[in-house]
Amino acid sequence: MLCVAASASWPAGARAQLDAGARTQESLVHDAQQAERGASPAEALALWRAARAAGPTSRLARRAEVRIAWLEARDEGGFAPLASLMRVQALRADALDRAGLEAFERELVTFPPGRVRREARAVVALSWLERLHDPARAKHAYEAWLREPGLEPDEHHVATVGLALARASGGDVRAGIATLERGGYGARTEATELRRRARQETGDLVALATLFAFVALALVLAGRELVRASVLRRAFAPARALTAVALLVAPGALAYAYDPVTLDTFALVAGGGLAVVALASVSAAALRERRAPRARALALAVGATLAALALGYLALGRAGILLSLS
C-alpha cells in the first residue's frame, strides 16, 4: 500500500521514466503523443526523453529530439501555462465560445513573459477574428500581442497583419493599410489586397451614387406624368414587356447552364437592370407625353446607361470577380 501511495504522489514525468524500461520505443512515442493531446506537457517531455533513450540512433529518436526541443523551449511556469494553452488549442471551433475565450484571456495575463504567453496571445487574437468574428475584440488582442516583450520578426509580422485585418474587418480598410505601412509591410501581399479592397469600396460608393443620381434624374424629368395611365400604358406595352423578359430569360438560362453558382449574381444584375429599364421607359414615355426637348431624353439615356454599368460593377464586386482582376 505504501508503494502504491508513493508512486501515485510522484510527478507524471517521474512515473513515465520509471515505466519506460520495459517498453518499446514505438509505444513510448505513442504515449508521448497522447500526453500532448491530453495537455500534459511535463509527462509528454518525460516520455519523449525515454523514447529517445530507447533508440538514440533511430528515426523515432530524431522525431523525439524535435519534440523535446519544442517542449523545453516552453517550460515557463512549470508547464502550467503551456498545459492551459494546449487545452484551448484542442477545442473544436464550435466549442470555444465567448465566455471560454474571455476566461482564457484573463488567465494568460498571469503567465510569465515568454514564448507561451506570446503564443497564447496569438491564439486569442486569431480566435476573436476568425472563430467568433469580433473584429473589435480581435483588434485589442492583436495590440496586446504586439506589446509583448521579445517578439521575433515572424511573430511581429503575423501580429501586425492580424491587426490590419481586424481593423479592415471592422470597416476601416484604410486604417488596416496604414497599420501595415507603419509596421514596414506596405509592400507585402496583405497590403496589396487591402488596397484592392479600398479601391473597390470607393468604386462601390461611386456606383451607388450613380444609381441614386439616375433615379433622381428620372423622377425629376418625368415629373407628375410619371403616374399617368397613358404614360404607364405606353411604357409597359406588351411588346416591350415581352422583349424585356426574353432578354432576361435567355442569358439567365445560359448562366445557370454554365455554373448554377453564378445565378445569384445574374439575378442581381437582371433584377436591377429590369428596374433601371422600367424607370427609364416610364420617364421616356413621360417626356414624349410632354413633348420635352430632345436633350432631356438624351440625358435620360446617358443616365440609364451609366446606371446599368454601375449595377454590373456592384454585381461583379459582390461575386468577388473585381478583386481577382485588380
Protein backbone atom coordinates (compact mmCIF):
# COMPACT_ATOMS: atom_id res chain seq x y z
CA MET A 1 0.00 0.00 0.00
CA LEU A 2 2.78 2.38 0.85
CA CYS A 3 4.40 1.74 -2.54
CA VAL A 4 1.14 2.44 -4.34
CA ALA A 5 0.60 5.63 -2.40
CA ALA A 6 4.16 6.78 -3.00
CA SER A 7 4.00 6.12 -6.74
CA ALA A 8 0.71 7.99 -7.01
CA SER A 9 2.30 11.06 -5.46
CA TRP A 10 5.23 11.16 -7.89
CA PRO A 11 5.22 13.67 -10.72
CA ALA A 12 3.97 12.40 -14.07
CA GLY A 13 7.45 12.69 -15.56
CA ALA A 14 8.99 10.51 -12.86
CA ARG A 15 6.32 7.83 -13.30
CA ALA A 16 6.88 7.85 -17.08
CA GLN A 17 10.62 7.35 -16.64
CA LEU A 18 10.03 4.54 -14.13
CA ASP A 19 7.71 2.70 -16.55
CA ALA A 20 9.87 3.20 -19.62
CA GLY A 21 12.38 0.41 -19.01
CA ALA A 22 10.41 -2.48 -20.43
CA ARG A 23 8.56 -0.61 -23.17
CA THR A 24 9.29 -0.29 -26.87
CA GLN A 25 10.29 2.96 -28.46
CA GLU A 26 7.11 2.93 -30.56
CA SER A 27 4.87 2.64 -27.51
CA LEU A 28 6.73 5.48 -25.80
CA VAL A 29 6.27 7.72 -28.83
CA HIS A 30 2.57 6.83 -28.95
CA ASP A 31 2.13 7.65 -25.27
CA ALA A 32 4.09 10.91 -25.63
CA GLN A 33 1.75 11.98 -28.43
CA GLN A 34 -1.25 11.06 -26.32
CA ALA A 35 0.14 13.08 -23.41
CA GLU A 36 0.47 16.13 -25.66
CA ARG A 37 -3.08 15.69 -26.93
CA GLY A 38 -4.19 15.42 -23.31
CA ALA A 39 -2.48 18.73 -22.45
CA SER A 40 0.11 17.07 -20.17
CA PRO A 41 3.38 18.61 -21.40
CA ALA A 42 5.52 17.53 -18.41
CA GLU A 43 4.53 13.90 -18.87
CA ALA A 44 4.99 14.20 -22.64
CA LEU A 45 8.52 15.57 -22.19
CA ALA A 46 9.50 12.65 -19.93
CA LEU A 47 8.09 10.16 -22.44
CA TRP A 48 9.86 11.77 -25.37
CA ARG A 49 13.13 11.63 -23.46
CA ALA A 50 12.53 7.98 -22.67
CA ALA A 51 11.74 7.30 -26.33
CA ARG A 52 14.98 8.96 -27.39
CA ALA A 53 16.95 6.92 -24.89
CA ALA A 54 15.32 3.68 -26.09
CA GLY A 55 16.89 4.03 -29.53
CA PRO A 56 19.25 7.02 -29.82
CA THR A 57 20.12 6.39 -33.49
CA SER A 58 16.65 5.59 -34.83
CA ARG A 59 14.32 7.71 -36.95
CA LEU A 60 11.94 7.99 -34.00
CA ALA A 61 14.79 9.37 -31.88
CA ARG A 62 15.18 12.28 -34.29
CA ARG A 63 11.46 12.95 -34.01
CA ALA A 64 11.75 12.80 -30.23
CA GLU A 65 14.59 15.34 -30.36
CA VAL A 66 12.33 17.80 -32.19
CA ARG A 67 9.51 17.43 -29.67
CA ILE A 68 11.89 17.62 -26.71
CA ALA A 69 13.35 20.88 -28.02
CA TRP A 70 9.84 22.25 -28.64
CA LEU A 71 8.64 21.44 -25.14
CA GLU A 72 11.83 22.56 -23.37
CA ALA A 73 11.51 25.95 -25.07
CA ARG A 74 8.07 26.34 -23.46
CA ASP A 75 8.64 25.21 -19.86
CA GLU A 76 7.78 28.60 -18.33
CA GLY A 77 5.88 28.37 -15.06
CA GLY A 78 6.47 24.65 -14.69
CA PHE A 79 4.49 23.88 -17.85
CA ALA A 80 1.22 25.12 -16.33
CA PRO A 81 0.79 27.92 -18.94
CA LEU A 82 1.55 25.51 -21.78
CA ALA A 83 -0.98 23.00 -20.44
CA SER A 84 -3.67 25.71 -20.42
CA LEU A 85 -2.76 26.75 -23.94
CA MET A 86 -2.87 23.14 -25.15
CA ARG A 87 -6.35 22.67 -23.69
CA VAL A 88 -7.65 25.71 -25.58
CA GLN A 89 -5.96 24.69 -28.81
CA ALA A 90 -7.52 21.22 -28.56
CA LEU A 91 -11.05 22.63 -28.53
CA ARG A 92 -13.12 22.39 -31.69
CA ALA A 93 -14.04 25.64 -33.40
CA ASP A 94 -17.63 25.37 -32.19
CA ALA A 95 -16.58 24.53 -28.62
CA LEU A 96 -14.74 27.78 -27.89
CA ASP A 97 -17.39 30.34 -27.01
CA ARG A 98 -17.03 33.96 -25.92
CA ALA A 99 -17.08 33.13 -22.22
CA GLY A 100 -14.37 30.50 -22.58
CA LEU A 101 -12.14 32.75 -24.65
CA GLU A 102 -12.58 35.66 -22.25
CA ALA A 103 -11.68 33.38 -19.32
CA PHE A 104 -8.51 32.20 -21.08
CA GLU A 105 -7.63 35.80 -21.97
CA ARG A 106 -7.83 36.73 -18.29
CA GLU A 107 -5.79 33.68 -17.33
CA LEU A 108 -2.93 34.36 -19.76
CA VAL A 109 -2.27 37.69 -18.03
CA THR A 110 -0.89 35.61 -15.14
CA PHE A 111 1.53 33.72 -17.42
CA PRO A 112 5.20 34.67 -17.06
CA PRO A 113 6.58 36.59 -20.06
CA GLY A 114 7.89 34.30 -22.73
CA ARG A 115 7.11 32.18 -25.73
CA VAL A 116 3.98 30.53 -24.30
CA ARG A 117 2.34 33.82 -23.41
CA ARG A 118 3.09 35.19 -26.87
CA GLU A 119 1.61 32.07 -28.48
CA ALA A 120 -1.42 32.35 -26.20
CA ARG A 121 -1.89 35.96 -27.35
CA ALA A 122 -1.81 34.73 -30.94
CA VAL A 123 -4.46 32.08 -30.26
CA VAL A 124 -6.74 34.59 -28.54
CA ALA A 125 -6.40 37.21 -31.28
CA LEU A 126 -6.98 34.73 -34.11
CA SER A 127 -9.96 33.22 -32.29
CA TRP A 128 -11.63 36.61 -31.87
CA LEU A 129 -11.08 37.39 -35.54
CA GLU A 130 -11.79 34.09 -37.29
CA ARG A 131 -13.75 31.91 -34.87
CA LEU A 132 -16.01 34.44 -33.16
CA HIS A 133 -15.89 37.15 -35.87
CA ASP A 134 -15.48 40.05 -33.43
CA PRO A 135 -13.01 42.47 -35.09
CA ALA A 136 -13.18 44.96 -32.21
CA ARG A 137 -12.03 42.37 -29.66
CA ALA A 138 -9.53 40.99 -32.16
CA LYS A 139 -8.05 44.48 -32.59
CA HIS A 140 -7.38 44.79 -28.84
CA ALA A 141 -5.99 41.25 -28.71
CA TYR A 142 -3.55 41.88 -31.56
CA GLU A 143 -2.45 45.14 -29.95
CA ALA A 144 -1.77 43.26 -26.70
CA TRP A 145 0.24 40.68 -28.65
CA LEU A 146 2.34 43.40 -30.27
CA ARG A 147 3.13 44.82 -26.82
CA GLU A 148 4.63 41.52 -25.65
CA PRO A 149 8.38 41.68 -24.99
CA GLY A 150 10.75 39.62 -27.08
CA LEU A 151 8.64 39.34 -30.23
CA GLU A 152 10.51 37.61 -33.02
CA PRO A 153 10.34 39.06 -36.57
CA ASP A 154 7.87 36.43 -37.79
CA GLU A 155 5.63 36.99 -34.77
CA HIS A 156 5.71 40.75 -35.30
CA HIS A 157 4.75 40.27 -38.94
CA VAL A 158 1.83 37.94 -38.19
CA ALA A 159 0.55 40.16 -35.36
CA THR A 160 0.76 43.30 -37.49
CA VAL A 161 -1.06 41.64 -40.38
CA GLY A 162 -3.72 40.38 -37.97
CA LEU A 163 -4.20 43.86 -36.52
CA ALA A 164 -4.55 45.28 -40.04
CA LEU A 165 -7.14 42.65 -40.98
CA ALA A 166 -9.06 43.25 -37.75
CA ARG A 167 -9.24 46.97 -38.49
CA ALA A 168 -10.27 46.30 -42.07
CA SER A 169 -12.92 43.78 -40.97
CA GLY A 170 -14.23 46.41 -38.57
CA GLY A 171 -14.96 48.67 -41.53
CA ASP A 172 -11.80 50.77 -41.73
CA VAL A 173 -9.77 49.33 -44.60
CA ARG A 174 -7.54 52.40 -44.83
CA ALA A 175 -6.60 52.07 -41.16
CA GLY A 176 -5.56 48.50 -41.95
CA ILE A 177 -3.36 49.71 -44.81
CA ALA A 178 -1.80 52.35 -42.55
CA THR A 179 -1.08 49.69 -39.91
CA LEU A 180 0.87 47.61 -42.43
CA GLU A 181 2.76 50.61 -43.75
CA ARG A 182 3.77 51.76 -40.24
CA GLY A 183 4.93 48.23 -39.47
CA GLY A 184 7.13 48.18 -42.57
CA TYR A 185 4.94 45.74 -44.51
CA GLY A 186 3.48 48.14 -47.04
CA ALA A 187 4.93 46.17 -49.96
CA ARG A 188 3.63 42.79 -48.79
CA THR A 189 0.77 40.84 -50.37
CA GLU A 190 -1.57 41.67 -47.50
CA ALA A 191 -1.18 45.41 -48.09
CA THR A 192 -1.82 44.95 -51.80
CA GLU A 193 -5.01 43.04 -51.03
CA LEU A 194 -6.26 45.74 -48.67
CA ARG A 195 -5.53 48.42 -51.27
CA ARG A 196 -7.66 46.46 -53.73
CA ARG A 197 -10.46 46.38 -51.18
CA ALA A 198 -10.12 50.11 -50.62
CA ARG A 199 -10.37 50.75 -54.36
CA GLN A 200 -13.44 48.55 -54.58
CA GLU A 201 -15.07 50.38 -51.67
CA THR A 202 -14.50 53.67 -53.48
CA GLY A 203 -15.89 52.15 -56.66
CA ASP A 204 -18.94 50.88 -54.78
CA LEU A 205 -19.65 54.36 -53.45
CA VAL A 206 -19.35 55.83 -56.94
CA ALA A 207 -21.61 53.11 -58.37
CA LEU A 208 -24.25 53.65 -55.69
CA ALA A 209 -24.09 57.40 -56.21
CA THR A 210 -24.58 56.83 -59.95
CA LEU A 211 -27.68 54.69 -59.34
CA PHE A 212 -29.20 57.23 -56.98
CA ALA A 213 -28.40 60.04 -59.41
CA PHE A 214 -30.17 58.19 -62.22
CA VAL A 215 -33.26 57.60 -60.07
CA ALA A 216 -33.34 61.28 -59.10
CA LEU A 217 -32.82 62.37 -62.72
CA ALA A 218 -35.60 60.08 -64.00
CA LEU A 219 -38.05 61.28 -61.35
CA VAL A 220 -37.27 64.95 -61.99
CA LEU A 221 -37.55 64.60 -65.79
CA ALA A 222 -40.78 62.60 -65.62
CA GLY A 223 -42.46 64.88 -63.12
CA ARG A 224 -46.14 64.35 -62.42
CA GLU A 225 -46.63 62.48 -65.66
CA LEU A 226 -44.82 59.51 -64.09
CA VAL A 227 -48.10 58.08 -62.76
CA ARG A 228 -50.41 58.93 -65.65
CA ALA A 229 -52.28 55.96 -67.06
CA SER A 230 -51.41 56.85 -70.63
CA VAL A 231 -47.71 57.06 -69.77
CA LEU A 232 -47.75 53.70 -67.98
CA ARG A 233 -49.60 52.04 -70.86
CA ARG A 234 -47.05 53.30 -73.34
CA ALA A 235 -44.07 52.37 -71.12
CA PHE A 236 -45.30 48.85 -70.41
CA ALA A 237 -46.79 47.96 -73.75
CA PRO A 238 -46.99 44.15 -74.25
CA ALA A 239 -44.32 44.14 -76.96
CA ARG A 240 -41.85 45.96 -74.71
CA ALA A 241 -42.59 43.73 -71.74
CA LEU A 242 -42.10 40.56 -73.78
CA THR A 243 -38.85 41.87 -75.20
CA ALA A 244 -37.52 42.65 -71.72
CA VAL A 245 -38.47 39.21 -70.41
CA ALA A 246 -36.86 37.49 -73.41
CA LEU A 247 -33.66 39.45 -72.94
CA LEU A 248 -33.51 38.31 -69.32
CA VAL A 249 -34.57 34.66 -69.61
CA ALA A 250 -32.09 33.60 -72.30
CA PRO A 251 -28.95 34.95 -70.56
CA GLY A 252 -30.25 33.57 -67.26
CA ALA A 253 -30.61 30.09 -68.71
CA LEU A 254 -27.10 30.28 -70.16
CA ALA A 255 -25.67 31.46 -66.83
CA TYR A 256 -27.35 28.60 -64.97
CA ALA A 257 -26.19 26.04 -67.51
CA TYR A 258 -22.62 27.30 -67.27
CA ASP A 259 -22.47 27.39 -63.47
CA PRO A 260 -25.51 27.42 -61.14
CA VAL A 261 -23.42 29.31 -58.57
CA THR A 262 -23.44 32.37 -60.87
CA LEU A 263 -27.24 32.51 -60.86
CA ASP A 264 -27.44 34.79 -57.80
CA THR A 265 -25.08 37.28 -59.45
CA PHE A 266 -27.10 37.16 -62.65
CA ALA A 267 -30.35 37.57 -60.67
CA LEU A 268 -28.96 40.75 -59.10
CA VAL A 269 -27.98 42.14 -62.49
CA ALA A 270 -31.23 41.06 -64.12
CA GLY A 271 -33.50 42.33 -61.38
CA GLY A 272 -31.67 45.61 -61.02
CA GLY A 273 -31.38 46.00 -64.77
CA LEU A 274 -35.10 45.43 -65.17
CA ALA A 275 -35.80 48.15 -62.62
CA VAL A 276 -33.47 50.56 -64.44
CA VAL A 277 -35.11 49.79 -67.78
CA ALA A 278 -38.61 50.13 -66.32
CA LEU A 279 -37.85 53.51 -64.74
CA ALA A 280 -36.13 54.73 -67.90
CA SER A 281 -39.06 53.57 -70.03
CA VAL A 282 -41.64 55.29 -67.87
CA SER A 283 -39.59 58.51 -67.77
CA ALA A 284 -39.06 58.43 -71.54
CA ALA A 285 -42.80 57.94 -72.08
CA ALA A 286 -43.50 60.89 -69.78
CA LEU A 287 -41.06 63.05 -71.76
CA ARG A 288 -42.79 62.14 -75.01
CA GLU A 289 -46.16 62.89 -73.42
CA ARG A 290 -44.94 66.39 -72.55
CA ARG A 291 -43.04 66.80 -75.85
CA ALA A 292 -39.94 67.66 -73.84
CA PRO A 293 -36.73 68.84 -75.58
CA ARG A 294 -34.59 66.10 -77.11
CA ALA A 295 -31.69 66.98 -74.79
CA ARG A 296 -33.67 65.69 -71.81
CA ALA A 297 -34.27 62.35 -73.48
CA LEU A 298 -30.57 62.15 -74.27
CA ALA A 299 -29.70 62.92 -70.64
CA LEU A 300 -32.08 60.18 -69.52
CA ALA A 301 -30.49 57.68 -71.91
CA VAL A 302 -26.98 58.52 -70.67
CA GLY A 303 -28.12 58.23 -67.07
CA ALA A 304 -29.75 54.84 -67.70
CA THR A 305 -26.60 53.55 -69.41
CA LEU A 306 -24.39 54.67 -66.55
CA ALA A 307 -26.81 53.15 -64.03
CA ALA A 308 -26.69 49.80 -65.84
CA LEU A 309 -22.88 49.88 -65.80
CA ALA A 310 -22.88 50.77 -62.10
CA LEU A 311 -25.20 47.88 -61.37
CA GLY A 312 -22.91 45.49 -63.23
CA TYR A 313 -19.94 46.81 -61.25
CA LEU A 314 -21.72 46.18 -57.96
CA ALA A 315 -22.71 42.67 -59.02
CA LEU A 316 -19.16 41.78 -60.07
CA GLY A 317 -17.82 43.15 -56.79
CA ARG A 318 -20.33 41.12 -54.81
CA ALA A 319 -19.23 37.99 -56.67
CA GLY A 320 -15.56 38.73 -55.86
CA ILE A 321 -14.61 38.99 -59.52
CA LEU A 322 -13.28 42.55 -59.30
CA LEU A 323 -10.81 41.67 -56.53
CA SER A 324 -9.46 38.79 -58.58
CA LEU A 325 -8.99 41.01 -61.63
CA SER A 326 -7.45 44.04 -59.92
